[in-house]
N, C-alpha and C. Protein backbone atom coordinates (compact mmCIF):
# COMPACT_ATOMS: atom_id res chain seq x y z
N UNK A 1 154.08 -8.88 -156.46
CA UNK A 1 152.63 -8.89 -156.21
C UNK A 1 152.32 -9.88 -155.08
N UNK A 2 151.41 -9.48 -154.20
CA UNK A 2 151.02 -10.34 -153.09
C UNK A 2 150.41 -11.63 -153.61
N UNK A 3 150.55 -12.70 -152.84
CA UNK A 3 150.01 -13.99 -153.23
C UNK A 3 148.51 -14.04 -152.94
N UNK A 4 147.78 -14.58 -153.86
CA UNK A 4 146.34 -14.69 -153.74
C UNK A 4 145.97 -15.71 -152.66
N UNK A 5 144.94 -15.39 -151.88
CA UNK A 5 144.39 -16.33 -150.91
C UNK A 5 142.92 -16.59 -151.24
N UNK A 6 142.57 -17.85 -151.34
CA UNK A 6 141.17 -18.26 -151.45
C UNK A 6 140.80 -18.88 -150.11
N UNK A 7 139.79 -18.33 -149.47
CA UNK A 7 139.46 -18.70 -148.10
C UNK A 7 138.11 -19.42 -148.09
N UNK A 8 138.12 -20.64 -147.58
CA UNK A 8 136.90 -21.44 -147.50
C UNK A 8 137.25 -22.91 -147.55
N UNK A 9 136.29 -23.79 -147.29
CA UNK A 9 136.56 -25.23 -147.28
C UNK A 9 136.66 -25.80 -148.68
N UNK A 10 137.57 -26.75 -148.85
CA UNK A 10 137.75 -27.38 -150.16
C UNK A 10 136.49 -28.11 -150.61
N UNK A 11 135.64 -28.50 -149.68
CA UNK A 11 134.42 -29.25 -150.02
C UNK A 11 133.29 -28.38 -150.56
N UNK A 12 133.46 -27.06 -150.56
CA UNK A 12 132.44 -26.16 -151.08
C UNK A 12 132.49 -26.13 -152.60
N UNK A 13 131.35 -26.27 -153.26
CA UNK A 13 131.32 -26.22 -154.72
C UNK A 13 131.78 -24.87 -155.24
N UNK A 14 131.48 -23.79 -154.52
CA UNK A 14 131.88 -22.47 -154.98
C UNK A 14 133.37 -22.21 -154.76
N UNK A 15 133.90 -22.72 -153.68
CA UNK A 15 135.36 -22.65 -153.48
C UNK A 15 136.05 -23.43 -154.58
N UNK A 16 135.54 -24.60 -154.87
CA UNK A 16 136.11 -25.45 -155.91
C UNK A 16 136.12 -24.71 -157.26
N UNK A 17 135.02 -24.05 -157.60
CA UNK A 17 134.94 -23.34 -158.87
C UNK A 17 136.01 -22.24 -158.96
N UNK A 18 136.19 -21.49 -157.90
CA UNK A 18 137.21 -20.43 -157.91
C UNK A 18 138.61 -21.04 -158.04
N UNK A 19 138.84 -22.15 -157.39
CA UNK A 19 140.14 -22.82 -157.51
C UNK A 19 140.36 -23.33 -158.93
N UNK A 20 139.30 -23.79 -159.59
CA UNK A 20 139.43 -24.21 -160.98
C UNK A 20 139.80 -23.03 -161.88
N UNK A 21 139.24 -21.86 -161.60
CA UNK A 21 139.63 -20.66 -162.37
C UNK A 21 141.13 -20.42 -162.23
N UNK A 22 141.62 -20.49 -161.01
CA UNK A 22 143.05 -20.30 -160.78
C UNK A 22 143.87 -21.33 -161.55
N UNK A 23 143.42 -22.58 -161.53
CA UNK A 23 144.16 -23.64 -162.21
C UNK A 23 144.12 -23.46 -163.72
N UNK A 24 142.99 -23.03 -164.26
CA UNK A 24 142.91 -22.79 -165.71
C UNK A 24 143.88 -21.70 -166.14
N UNK A 25 144.09 -20.72 -165.27
CA UNK A 25 144.94 -19.58 -165.62
C UNK A 25 146.37 -19.72 -165.07
N UNK A 26 146.64 -20.85 -164.41
CA UNK A 26 147.96 -21.10 -163.83
C UNK A 26 148.33 -20.02 -162.81
N UNK A 27 147.34 -19.64 -162.00
CA UNK A 27 147.55 -18.63 -160.96
C UNK A 27 147.89 -19.34 -159.66
N UNK A 28 149.01 -19.01 -159.06
CA UNK A 28 149.39 -19.56 -157.77
C UNK A 28 148.53 -18.92 -156.67
N UNK A 29 148.12 -19.73 -155.72
CA UNK A 29 147.28 -19.22 -154.63
C UNK A 29 147.45 -20.11 -153.41
N UNK A 30 147.04 -19.60 -152.28
CA UNK A 30 146.97 -20.38 -151.05
C UNK A 30 145.51 -20.62 -150.71
N UNK A 31 145.15 -21.89 -150.47
CA UNK A 31 143.82 -22.21 -149.97
C UNK A 31 143.87 -22.15 -148.45
N UNK A 32 143.06 -21.27 -147.88
CA UNK A 32 143.00 -21.10 -146.43
C UNK A 32 141.71 -21.74 -145.94
N UNK A 33 141.78 -22.93 -145.34
CA UNK A 33 140.54 -23.59 -144.91
C UNK A 33 139.84 -22.78 -143.81
N UNK A 34 138.58 -22.51 -144.04
CA UNK A 34 137.77 -21.78 -143.05
C UNK A 34 136.31 -22.05 -143.36
N UNK A 35 135.52 -22.24 -142.33
CA UNK A 35 134.13 -22.61 -142.53
C UNK A 35 133.20 -21.42 -142.63
N UNK A 36 131.96 -21.71 -142.94
CA UNK A 36 130.92 -20.69 -142.94
C UNK A 36 130.88 -19.98 -141.60
N UNK A 37 130.76 -18.67 -141.65
CA UNK A 37 130.60 -17.83 -140.46
C UNK A 37 131.82 -17.87 -139.53
N UNK A 38 132.94 -18.38 -140.03
CA UNK A 38 134.16 -18.35 -139.23
C UNK A 38 134.70 -16.91 -139.17
N UNK A 39 135.54 -16.60 -138.19
CA UNK A 39 136.08 -15.24 -138.11
C UNK A 39 136.81 -14.82 -139.38
N UNK A 40 137.55 -15.76 -140.01
CA UNK A 40 138.30 -15.43 -141.22
C UNK A 40 137.35 -15.03 -142.36
N UNK A 41 136.22 -15.71 -142.44
CA UNK A 41 135.26 -15.42 -143.49
C UNK A 41 134.45 -14.17 -143.17
N UNK A 42 134.00 -14.06 -141.94
CA UNK A 42 133.20 -12.90 -141.54
C UNK A 42 133.99 -11.60 -141.63
N UNK A 43 135.30 -11.68 -141.59
CA UNK A 43 136.12 -10.48 -141.73
C UNK A 43 135.99 -9.87 -143.13
N UNK A 44 135.51 -10.68 -144.09
CA UNK A 44 135.38 -10.22 -145.47
C UNK A 44 133.94 -10.24 -145.95
N UNK A 45 133.21 -11.32 -145.65
CA UNK A 45 131.83 -11.46 -146.12
C UNK A 45 130.87 -11.12 -144.99
N UNK A 46 130.02 -10.13 -145.18
CA UNK A 46 129.13 -9.71 -144.07
C UNK A 46 128.12 -10.77 -143.66
N UNK A 47 127.86 -11.76 -144.55
CA UNK A 47 126.92 -12.82 -144.24
C UNK A 47 127.60 -14.16 -144.00
N UNK A 48 128.92 -14.15 -143.96
CA UNK A 48 129.67 -15.34 -143.56
C UNK A 48 129.70 -16.47 -144.56
N UNK A 49 129.44 -16.19 -145.85
CA UNK A 49 129.44 -17.25 -146.86
C UNK A 49 130.83 -17.41 -147.48
N UNK A 50 131.03 -18.57 -148.12
CA UNK A 50 132.31 -18.86 -148.76
C UNK A 50 132.09 -19.06 -150.26
N UNK A 51 133.17 -18.78 -151.04
CA UNK A 51 134.52 -18.37 -150.64
C UNK A 51 134.61 -16.87 -150.45
N UNK A 52 135.70 -16.47 -149.82
CA UNK A 52 136.15 -15.09 -149.84
C UNK A 52 137.58 -15.07 -150.33
N UNK A 53 138.03 -13.90 -150.73
CA UNK A 53 139.36 -13.78 -151.33
C UNK A 53 140.13 -12.62 -150.69
N UNK A 54 141.42 -12.82 -150.55
CA UNK A 54 142.30 -11.74 -150.14
C UNK A 54 143.49 -11.71 -151.10
N UNK A 55 143.79 -10.52 -151.61
CA UNK A 55 144.92 -10.34 -152.52
C UNK A 55 145.60 -9.03 -152.16
N UNK A 56 146.59 -9.11 -151.28
CA UNK A 56 147.18 -7.90 -150.74
C UNK A 56 146.13 -7.14 -149.94
N UNK A 57 145.89 -5.89 -150.31
CA UNK A 57 144.89 -5.08 -149.62
C UNK A 57 143.48 -5.28 -150.18
N UNK A 58 143.38 -6.07 -151.25
CA UNK A 58 142.10 -6.27 -151.91
C UNK A 58 141.38 -7.47 -151.30
N UNK A 59 140.11 -7.28 -150.93
CA UNK A 59 139.29 -8.40 -150.46
C UNK A 59 137.99 -8.42 -151.27
N UNK A 60 137.47 -9.62 -151.45
CA UNK A 60 136.22 -9.80 -152.19
C UNK A 60 135.45 -10.96 -151.61
N UNK A 61 134.13 -10.91 -151.74
CA UNK A 61 133.30 -12.07 -151.48
C UNK A 61 132.39 -12.31 -152.69
N UNK A 62 131.79 -13.50 -152.73
CA UNK A 62 130.96 -13.99 -153.83
C UNK A 62 131.85 -14.54 -154.94
N UNK A 63 131.60 -15.82 -155.29
CA UNK A 63 132.48 -16.54 -156.20
C UNK A 63 132.54 -15.91 -157.58
N UNK A 64 131.42 -15.40 -158.09
CA UNK A 64 131.43 -14.78 -159.42
C UNK A 64 132.32 -13.55 -159.43
N UNK A 65 132.22 -12.71 -158.41
CA UNK A 65 133.06 -11.52 -158.34
C UNK A 65 134.53 -11.91 -158.23
N UNK A 66 134.82 -12.93 -157.44
CA UNK A 66 136.21 -13.38 -157.27
C UNK A 66 136.75 -13.92 -158.58
N UNK A 67 135.97 -14.75 -159.27
CA UNK A 67 136.40 -15.31 -160.55
C UNK A 67 136.65 -14.22 -161.58
N UNK A 68 135.77 -13.23 -161.62
CA UNK A 68 135.93 -12.13 -162.57
C UNK A 68 137.21 -11.34 -162.27
N UNK A 69 137.46 -11.08 -161.01
CA UNK A 69 138.67 -10.36 -160.62
C UNK A 69 139.91 -11.13 -161.06
N UNK A 70 139.96 -12.42 -160.76
CA UNK A 70 141.12 -13.24 -161.12
C UNK A 70 141.31 -13.25 -162.63
N UNK A 71 140.21 -13.35 -163.36
CA UNK A 71 140.31 -13.40 -164.82
C UNK A 71 140.85 -12.10 -165.40
N UNK A 72 140.51 -10.98 -164.78
CA UNK A 72 140.95 -9.68 -165.30
C UNK A 72 142.35 -9.30 -164.83
N UNK A 73 142.72 -9.71 -163.63
CA UNK A 73 143.98 -9.25 -163.05
C UNK A 73 145.16 -10.09 -163.49
N UNK A 74 144.93 -11.39 -163.66
CA UNK A 74 146.04 -12.30 -163.92
C UNK A 74 146.09 -12.70 -165.40
N UNK A 75 147.30 -12.93 -165.91
CA UNK A 75 147.41 -13.41 -167.29
C UNK A 75 146.94 -14.86 -167.39
N UNK A 76 146.95 -15.37 -168.61
CA UNK A 76 146.53 -16.74 -168.82
C UNK A 76 145.23 -16.80 -169.61
N UNK A 77 144.77 -17.98 -169.93
CA UNK A 77 143.54 -18.13 -170.74
C UNK A 77 142.35 -17.45 -170.07
N UNK A 78 141.56 -16.76 -170.89
CA UNK A 78 140.38 -16.08 -170.36
C UNK A 78 139.28 -17.10 -170.08
N UNK A 79 138.69 -17.02 -168.91
CA UNK A 79 137.53 -17.86 -168.62
C UNK A 79 136.22 -17.11 -168.85
N UNK A 80 136.29 -15.80 -169.00
CA UNK A 80 135.17 -14.98 -169.44
C UNK A 80 135.63 -14.30 -170.73
N UNK A 81 135.15 -14.75 -171.88
CA UNK A 81 135.66 -14.22 -173.14
C UNK A 81 135.40 -12.73 -173.29
N UNK A 82 136.22 -12.06 -174.10
CA UNK A 82 136.02 -10.65 -174.39
C UNK A 82 134.85 -10.43 -175.34
N UNK A 83 134.59 -11.38 -176.20
CA UNK A 83 133.52 -11.25 -177.19
C UNK A 83 132.18 -11.14 -176.48
N UNK A 84 131.39 -10.14 -176.84
CA UNK A 84 130.21 -9.76 -176.06
C UNK A 84 129.16 -10.86 -175.99
N UNK A 85 128.89 -11.52 -177.09
CA UNK A 85 127.82 -12.52 -177.10
C UNK A 85 128.15 -13.68 -176.17
N UNK A 86 129.36 -14.22 -176.32
CA UNK A 86 129.74 -15.36 -175.47
C UNK A 86 129.86 -14.94 -174.02
N UNK A 87 130.39 -13.75 -173.77
CA UNK A 87 130.49 -13.26 -172.39
C UNK A 87 129.12 -13.16 -171.75
N UNK A 88 128.12 -12.72 -172.52
CA UNK A 88 126.76 -12.63 -172.00
C UNK A 88 126.20 -14.02 -171.71
N UNK A 89 126.52 -14.99 -172.57
CA UNK A 89 126.07 -16.36 -172.32
C UNK A 89 126.71 -16.92 -171.04
N UNK A 90 127.98 -16.59 -170.82
CA UNK A 90 128.63 -17.01 -169.58
C UNK A 90 127.89 -16.44 -168.38
N UNK A 91 127.59 -15.15 -168.42
CA UNK A 91 126.86 -14.51 -167.32
C UNK A 91 125.50 -15.18 -167.13
N UNK A 92 124.84 -15.46 -168.23
CA UNK A 92 123.52 -16.10 -168.18
C UNK A 92 123.57 -17.42 -167.45
N UNK A 93 124.53 -18.28 -167.81
CA UNK A 93 124.58 -19.62 -167.23
C UNK A 93 125.12 -19.61 -165.80
N UNK A 94 126.05 -18.73 -165.51
CA UNK A 94 126.53 -18.61 -164.13
C UNK A 94 125.37 -18.19 -163.23
N UNK A 95 124.61 -17.21 -163.68
CA UNK A 95 123.46 -16.75 -162.89
C UNK A 95 122.43 -17.85 -162.73
N UNK A 96 122.14 -18.58 -163.82
CA UNK A 96 121.13 -19.63 -163.76
C UNK A 96 121.55 -20.75 -162.83
N UNK A 97 122.80 -21.15 -162.90
CA UNK A 97 123.29 -22.20 -162.00
C UNK A 97 123.25 -21.73 -160.55
N UNK A 98 123.69 -20.51 -160.31
CA UNK A 98 123.77 -20.02 -158.93
C UNK A 98 122.40 -19.79 -158.30
N UNK A 99 121.42 -19.39 -159.10
CA UNK A 99 120.12 -19.04 -158.54
C UNK A 99 119.08 -20.15 -158.63
N UNK A 100 119.27 -21.11 -159.54
CA UNK A 100 118.25 -22.13 -159.76
C UNK A 100 118.80 -23.56 -159.63
N UNK A 101 119.87 -23.85 -160.34
CA UNK A 101 120.34 -25.23 -160.42
C UNK A 101 121.09 -25.65 -159.16
N UNK A 102 122.01 -24.85 -158.68
CA UNK A 102 122.71 -25.18 -157.44
C UNK A 102 121.76 -25.26 -156.25
N UNK A 103 120.85 -24.31 -156.07
CA UNK A 103 119.92 -24.46 -154.93
C UNK A 103 119.12 -25.75 -154.97
N UNK A 104 118.78 -26.21 -156.16
CA UNK A 104 117.99 -27.44 -156.27
C UNK A 104 118.87 -28.68 -156.10
N UNK A 105 119.91 -28.80 -156.90
CA UNK A 105 120.72 -30.02 -156.90
C UNK A 105 121.55 -30.17 -155.63
N UNK A 106 122.01 -29.06 -155.08
CA UNK A 106 122.88 -29.14 -153.90
C UNK A 106 122.10 -28.84 -152.63
N UNK A 107 121.50 -27.67 -152.52
CA UNK A 107 120.90 -27.22 -151.25
C UNK A 107 119.61 -27.97 -150.91
N UNK A 108 118.85 -28.39 -151.94
CA UNK A 108 117.59 -29.08 -151.68
C UNK A 108 117.69 -30.59 -151.85
N UNK A 109 118.85 -31.07 -152.32
CA UNK A 109 118.96 -32.50 -152.62
C UNK A 109 120.23 -33.12 -152.04
N UNK A 110 121.37 -32.82 -152.63
CA UNK A 110 122.61 -33.50 -152.22
C UNK A 110 122.94 -33.26 -150.75
N UNK A 111 122.55 -32.10 -150.23
CA UNK A 111 122.86 -31.80 -148.83
C UNK A 111 122.25 -32.82 -147.89
N UNK A 112 121.14 -33.43 -148.26
CA UNK A 112 120.48 -34.40 -147.38
C UNK A 112 121.27 -35.71 -147.32
N UNK A 113 121.92 -36.06 -148.40
CA UNK A 113 122.80 -37.23 -148.36
C UNK A 113 124.07 -36.92 -147.57
N UNK A 114 124.55 -35.71 -147.68
CA UNK A 114 125.73 -35.34 -146.90
C UNK A 114 125.41 -35.35 -145.41
N UNK A 115 124.26 -34.83 -145.04
CA UNK A 115 123.87 -34.84 -143.62
C UNK A 115 123.68 -36.26 -143.10
N UNK A 116 123.28 -37.17 -144.00
CA UNK A 116 123.07 -38.56 -143.59
C UNK A 116 124.38 -39.23 -143.17
N UNK A 117 125.53 -38.67 -143.60
CA UNK A 117 126.80 -39.20 -143.14
C UNK A 117 126.93 -39.03 -141.63
N UNK A 118 126.23 -38.04 -141.09
CA UNK A 118 126.25 -37.78 -139.65
C UNK A 118 125.05 -38.43 -138.96
N UNK A 119 123.86 -38.24 -139.55
CA UNK A 119 122.64 -38.72 -138.90
C UNK A 119 122.39 -40.20 -139.15
N UNK A 120 122.97 -40.73 -140.24
CA UNK A 120 122.76 -42.13 -140.59
C UNK A 120 121.54 -42.40 -141.42
N UNK A 121 120.70 -41.37 -141.65
CA UNK A 121 119.47 -41.59 -142.40
C UNK A 121 119.13 -40.32 -143.18
N UNK A 122 119.07 -40.42 -144.54
CA UNK A 122 118.70 -39.24 -145.32
C UNK A 122 117.24 -38.87 -145.13
N UNK A 123 116.93 -37.60 -145.34
CA UNK A 123 115.56 -37.10 -145.26
C UNK A 123 114.86 -37.48 -146.56
N UNK A 124 114.18 -38.62 -146.55
CA UNK A 124 113.59 -39.17 -147.77
C UNK A 124 112.53 -38.24 -148.36
N UNK A 125 111.73 -37.62 -147.51
CA UNK A 125 110.67 -36.74 -148.01
C UNK A 125 111.26 -35.55 -148.75
N UNK A 126 112.30 -34.94 -148.20
CA UNK A 126 112.93 -33.79 -148.84
C UNK A 126 113.58 -34.19 -150.16
N UNK A 127 114.23 -35.34 -150.18
CA UNK A 127 114.87 -35.82 -151.40
C UNK A 127 113.83 -36.07 -152.49
N UNK A 128 112.78 -36.79 -152.14
CA UNK A 128 111.75 -37.11 -153.14
C UNK A 128 111.07 -35.85 -153.68
N UNK A 129 110.91 -34.85 -152.82
CA UNK A 129 110.27 -33.61 -153.26
C UNK A 129 111.12 -32.87 -154.29
N UNK A 130 112.44 -33.04 -154.22
CA UNK A 130 113.34 -32.32 -155.13
C UNK A 130 113.49 -33.00 -156.48
N UNK A 131 113.17 -34.28 -156.58
CA UNK A 131 113.50 -35.06 -157.79
C UNK A 131 112.83 -34.56 -159.06
N UNK A 132 111.57 -34.17 -159.08
CA UNK A 132 110.99 -33.68 -160.34
C UNK A 132 111.72 -32.44 -160.88
N UNK A 133 112.06 -31.51 -160.01
CA UNK A 133 112.78 -30.31 -160.47
C UNK A 133 114.17 -30.68 -160.95
N UNK A 134 114.83 -31.60 -160.28
CA UNK A 134 116.16 -32.04 -160.72
C UNK A 134 116.08 -32.63 -162.12
N UNK A 135 115.08 -33.47 -162.36
CA UNK A 135 114.93 -34.08 -163.69
C UNK A 135 114.75 -33.02 -164.76
N UNK A 136 113.95 -32.00 -164.48
CA UNK A 136 113.75 -30.92 -165.46
C UNK A 136 115.05 -30.17 -165.71
N UNK A 137 115.79 -29.91 -164.66
CA UNK A 137 117.02 -29.15 -164.83
C UNK A 137 118.09 -29.95 -165.56
N UNK A 138 118.17 -31.23 -165.29
CA UNK A 138 119.11 -32.09 -166.01
C UNK A 138 118.77 -32.09 -167.50
N UNK A 139 117.48 -32.13 -167.83
CA UNK A 139 117.06 -32.10 -169.23
C UNK A 139 117.46 -30.79 -169.91
N UNK A 140 117.31 -29.68 -169.19
CA UNK A 140 117.71 -28.38 -169.73
C UNK A 140 119.21 -28.35 -170.00
N UNK A 141 120.00 -28.82 -169.05
CA UNK A 141 121.45 -28.83 -169.22
C UNK A 141 121.87 -29.77 -170.34
N UNK A 142 121.21 -30.91 -170.44
CA UNK A 142 121.53 -31.86 -171.50
C UNK A 142 121.34 -31.21 -172.87
N UNK A 143 120.26 -30.49 -173.03
CA UNK A 143 119.99 -29.79 -174.29
C UNK A 143 120.99 -28.66 -174.52
N UNK A 144 121.36 -27.96 -173.46
CA UNK A 144 122.24 -26.80 -173.59
C UNK A 144 123.64 -27.16 -174.09
N UNK A 145 124.14 -28.34 -173.69
CA UNK A 145 125.50 -28.71 -174.08
C UNK A 145 125.53 -29.60 -175.32
N UNK A 146 124.37 -29.90 -175.88
CA UNK A 146 124.30 -30.87 -176.99
C UNK A 146 125.04 -30.38 -178.23
N UNK A 147 124.94 -29.10 -178.55
CA UNK A 147 125.46 -28.61 -179.83
C UNK A 147 126.99 -28.53 -179.84
N UNK A 148 127.59 -27.93 -178.81
CA UNK A 148 129.04 -27.68 -178.84
C UNK A 148 129.82 -28.42 -177.77
N UNK A 149 129.13 -28.97 -176.77
CA UNK A 149 129.83 -29.58 -175.65
C UNK A 149 130.25 -28.57 -174.60
N UNK A 150 129.72 -27.35 -174.70
CA UNK A 150 130.00 -26.29 -173.73
C UNK A 150 128.69 -25.56 -173.45
N UNK A 151 128.62 -24.87 -172.32
CA UNK A 151 127.43 -24.09 -172.00
C UNK A 151 127.39 -22.77 -172.77
N UNK A 152 128.55 -22.17 -172.99
CA UNK A 152 128.61 -20.85 -173.65
C UNK A 152 129.58 -20.93 -174.83
N UNK A 153 129.08 -20.71 -176.02
CA UNK A 153 129.95 -20.72 -177.19
C UNK A 153 130.54 -22.08 -177.44
N UNK A 154 131.78 -22.07 -177.92
CA UNK A 154 132.46 -23.32 -178.26
C UNK A 154 133.80 -23.44 -177.55
N UNK A 155 133.83 -22.95 -176.30
CA UNK A 155 135.05 -23.03 -175.52
C UNK A 155 134.71 -23.21 -174.04
N UNK A 156 135.69 -23.68 -173.28
CA UNK A 156 135.52 -23.91 -171.85
C UNK A 156 135.62 -22.58 -171.13
N UNK A 157 134.57 -22.24 -170.39
CA UNK A 157 134.49 -20.93 -169.75
C UNK A 157 134.07 -21.07 -168.29
N UNK A 158 133.93 -19.93 -167.66
CA UNK A 158 133.47 -19.91 -166.27
C UNK A 158 132.10 -20.55 -166.14
N UNK A 159 131.28 -20.51 -167.19
CA UNK A 159 129.98 -21.18 -167.12
C UNK A 159 130.14 -22.67 -166.85
N UNK A 160 131.08 -23.30 -167.53
CA UNK A 160 131.34 -24.73 -167.33
C UNK A 160 132.02 -24.98 -165.99
N UNK A 161 132.98 -24.14 -165.65
CA UNK A 161 133.68 -24.27 -164.37
C UNK A 161 132.69 -24.22 -163.22
N UNK A 162 131.73 -23.31 -163.30
CA UNK A 162 130.76 -23.12 -162.24
C UNK A 162 129.81 -24.31 -162.10
N UNK A 163 129.57 -25.02 -163.21
CA UNK A 163 128.65 -26.14 -163.19
C UNK A 163 129.30 -27.45 -162.77
N UNK A 164 130.56 -27.65 -163.11
CA UNK A 164 131.19 -28.95 -162.90
C UNK A 164 131.12 -29.42 -161.44
N UNK A 165 131.42 -28.59 -160.44
CA UNK A 165 131.31 -29.07 -159.05
C UNK A 165 129.87 -29.45 -158.67
N UNK A 166 128.89 -28.75 -159.20
CA UNK A 166 127.50 -29.06 -158.90
C UNK A 166 127.16 -30.45 -159.43
N UNK A 167 127.57 -30.74 -160.66
CA UNK A 167 127.32 -32.05 -161.24
C UNK A 167 128.06 -33.15 -160.48
N UNK A 168 129.26 -32.85 -160.04
CA UNK A 168 130.03 -33.84 -159.27
C UNK A 168 129.28 -34.24 -158.01
N UNK A 169 128.87 -33.27 -157.23
CA UNK A 169 128.21 -33.57 -155.96
C UNK A 169 126.84 -34.21 -156.18
N UNK A 170 126.13 -33.77 -157.21
CA UNK A 170 124.82 -34.39 -157.50
C UNK A 170 124.99 -35.86 -157.85
N UNK A 171 126.06 -36.19 -158.55
CA UNK A 171 126.27 -37.57 -158.98
C UNK A 171 126.77 -38.49 -157.87
N UNK A 172 127.16 -37.93 -156.74
CA UNK A 172 127.49 -38.77 -155.59
C UNK A 172 126.24 -39.39 -154.97
N UNK A 173 125.08 -38.87 -155.35
CA UNK A 173 123.81 -39.34 -154.82
C UNK A 173 123.15 -40.27 -155.84
N UNK A 174 122.43 -41.28 -155.40
CA UNK A 174 121.96 -42.30 -156.34
C UNK A 174 121.06 -41.78 -157.45
N UNK A 175 120.05 -40.98 -157.12
CA UNK A 175 119.14 -40.50 -158.16
C UNK A 175 119.84 -39.51 -159.09
N UNK A 176 120.65 -38.63 -158.52
CA UNK A 176 121.38 -37.67 -159.34
C UNK A 176 122.32 -38.36 -160.31
N UNK A 177 123.02 -39.37 -159.82
CA UNK A 177 123.91 -40.12 -160.70
C UNK A 177 123.17 -40.79 -161.84
N UNK A 178 122.02 -41.39 -161.53
CA UNK A 178 121.23 -42.06 -162.56
C UNK A 178 120.72 -41.06 -163.60
N UNK A 179 120.28 -39.90 -163.14
CA UNK A 179 119.74 -38.91 -164.07
C UNK A 179 120.82 -38.38 -165.01
N UNK A 180 122.00 -38.09 -164.47
CA UNK A 180 123.08 -37.59 -165.33
C UNK A 180 123.52 -38.66 -166.31
N UNK A 181 123.65 -39.90 -165.85
CA UNK A 181 124.06 -40.98 -166.76
C UNK A 181 123.04 -41.18 -167.88
N UNK A 182 121.77 -40.96 -167.59
CA UNK A 182 120.73 -41.14 -168.59
C UNK A 182 120.67 -39.98 -169.59
N UNK A 183 121.27 -38.86 -169.24
CA UNK A 183 121.30 -37.69 -170.13
C UNK A 183 122.59 -37.77 -170.95
N UNK A 184 122.50 -38.31 -172.15
CA UNK A 184 123.69 -38.65 -172.92
C UNK A 184 124.64 -37.50 -173.18
N UNK A 185 124.11 -36.35 -173.59
CA UNK A 185 124.99 -35.22 -173.88
C UNK A 185 125.65 -34.69 -172.62
N UNK A 186 124.87 -34.58 -171.54
CA UNK A 186 125.41 -34.05 -170.29
C UNK A 186 126.42 -35.02 -169.68
N UNK A 187 126.13 -36.30 -169.76
CA UNK A 187 127.06 -37.29 -169.22
C UNK A 187 128.39 -37.24 -169.95
N UNK A 188 128.35 -37.13 -171.29
CA UNK A 188 129.59 -37.03 -172.07
C UNK A 188 130.32 -35.72 -171.77
N UNK A 189 129.55 -34.66 -171.60
CA UNK A 189 130.11 -33.34 -171.25
C UNK A 189 130.89 -33.44 -169.94
N UNK A 190 130.25 -34.01 -168.93
CA UNK A 190 130.91 -34.09 -167.63
C UNK A 190 132.16 -34.96 -167.71
N UNK A 191 132.06 -36.12 -168.36
CA UNK A 191 133.20 -37.03 -168.43
C UNK A 191 134.38 -36.37 -169.13
N UNK A 192 134.11 -35.63 -170.19
CA UNK A 192 135.20 -35.00 -170.94
C UNK A 192 135.87 -33.90 -170.13
N UNK A 193 135.08 -33.04 -169.52
CA UNK A 193 135.68 -31.92 -168.79
C UNK A 193 136.27 -32.36 -167.45
N UNK A 194 135.82 -33.48 -166.93
CA UNK A 194 136.43 -34.01 -165.70
C UNK A 194 137.86 -34.48 -165.92
N UNK A 195 138.28 -34.59 -167.17
CA UNK A 195 139.67 -34.94 -167.48
C UNK A 195 140.57 -33.72 -167.52
N UNK A 196 140.01 -32.53 -167.46
CA UNK A 196 140.84 -31.32 -167.52
C UNK A 196 141.76 -31.26 -166.31
N UNK A 197 142.93 -30.70 -166.54
CA UNK A 197 143.91 -30.55 -165.46
C UNK A 197 143.35 -29.71 -164.32
N UNK A 198 142.60 -28.66 -164.64
CA UNK A 198 142.07 -27.77 -163.60
C UNK A 198 141.08 -28.49 -162.70
N UNK A 199 140.34 -29.42 -163.24
CA UNK A 199 139.39 -30.20 -162.44
C UNK A 199 140.12 -31.22 -161.59
N UNK A 200 141.01 -31.97 -162.20
CA UNK A 200 141.72 -33.01 -161.47
C UNK A 200 142.59 -32.43 -160.36
N UNK A 201 143.18 -31.28 -160.60
CA UNK A 201 144.09 -30.68 -159.62
C UNK A 201 143.37 -30.10 -158.42
N UNK A 202 142.07 -29.90 -158.54
CA UNK A 202 141.33 -29.22 -157.45
C UNK A 202 140.25 -30.10 -156.83
N UNK A 203 140.21 -31.37 -157.18
CA UNK A 203 139.21 -32.27 -156.60
C UNK A 203 139.25 -32.20 -155.07
N UNK A 204 138.12 -32.01 -154.43
CA UNK A 204 138.12 -31.98 -152.97
C UNK A 204 138.31 -33.39 -152.41
N UNK A 205 138.70 -33.48 -151.16
CA UNK A 205 138.82 -34.80 -150.53
C UNK A 205 137.46 -35.48 -150.43
N UNK A 206 137.42 -36.80 -150.38
CA UNK A 206 136.13 -37.50 -150.28
C UNK A 206 135.35 -37.05 -149.04
N UNK A 207 134.04 -37.00 -149.17
CA UNK A 207 133.20 -36.64 -148.04
C UNK A 207 133.21 -37.77 -147.02
N UNK A 208 133.33 -37.42 -145.76
CA UNK A 208 133.33 -38.44 -144.70
C UNK A 208 132.34 -38.04 -143.61
C-alpha cells in the first residue's frame, strides 16, 4: 500500500489534528510541509486550504474528511466510534469546533498574537472584541467535559483530537491561558490529554 502523505504546515491546528489521528492509530505517514495556496496544496484543494492528503491515487481535502478516511481505511483504535449515538456526538463537536470555536479562539483571537511576532504589536481592539465570545465558549466546553472528561461519550475520539490543538494555541495567549486555567474541568481535561502519546509526538515547533 502506498504511504500516506499529509500536506501542510506543522503549525496548522488542522494539520496537527490529522497527524494526531495517525498517531492514535499508529499509521505511518510523511508530513509534506506546504503553505496555504502553495502549488502542492492547490493541486488538491480548490481553495488552497490545509491540510490536504495524498494516498496513492487518492487525494482529499478538509481535515474531517481526511480523518474519516484514515479511520476507515487503516487498522488501529477507532477515533470515530461505530456506535451511532457517540458517533453523532463526535460529528456534533467536530462541526461546532470547526464552525464556531476555532474561528473565534484562533482566527479572531490567537492569530493577532501570532501576527504580533512579526509586527511587534498585537491588534488590541480585535483581541478585546473577541474576549466575551471566548469566555462563553470556554464555559460551554468546561461544562461539556465535566461528566466524563471527554467531549463525546466516555472515550478519546476525533472530537477531542480536533479540539486539543485549538486549546493549545489559545493558551499561548495571556487571556486564553487565564480563561482555560480558571475553567477547572477544561483545564484538567487538557492537561490529561496533553500527556497522550499522539499529542506529544505531534507537537508543532514553537512559534517564532
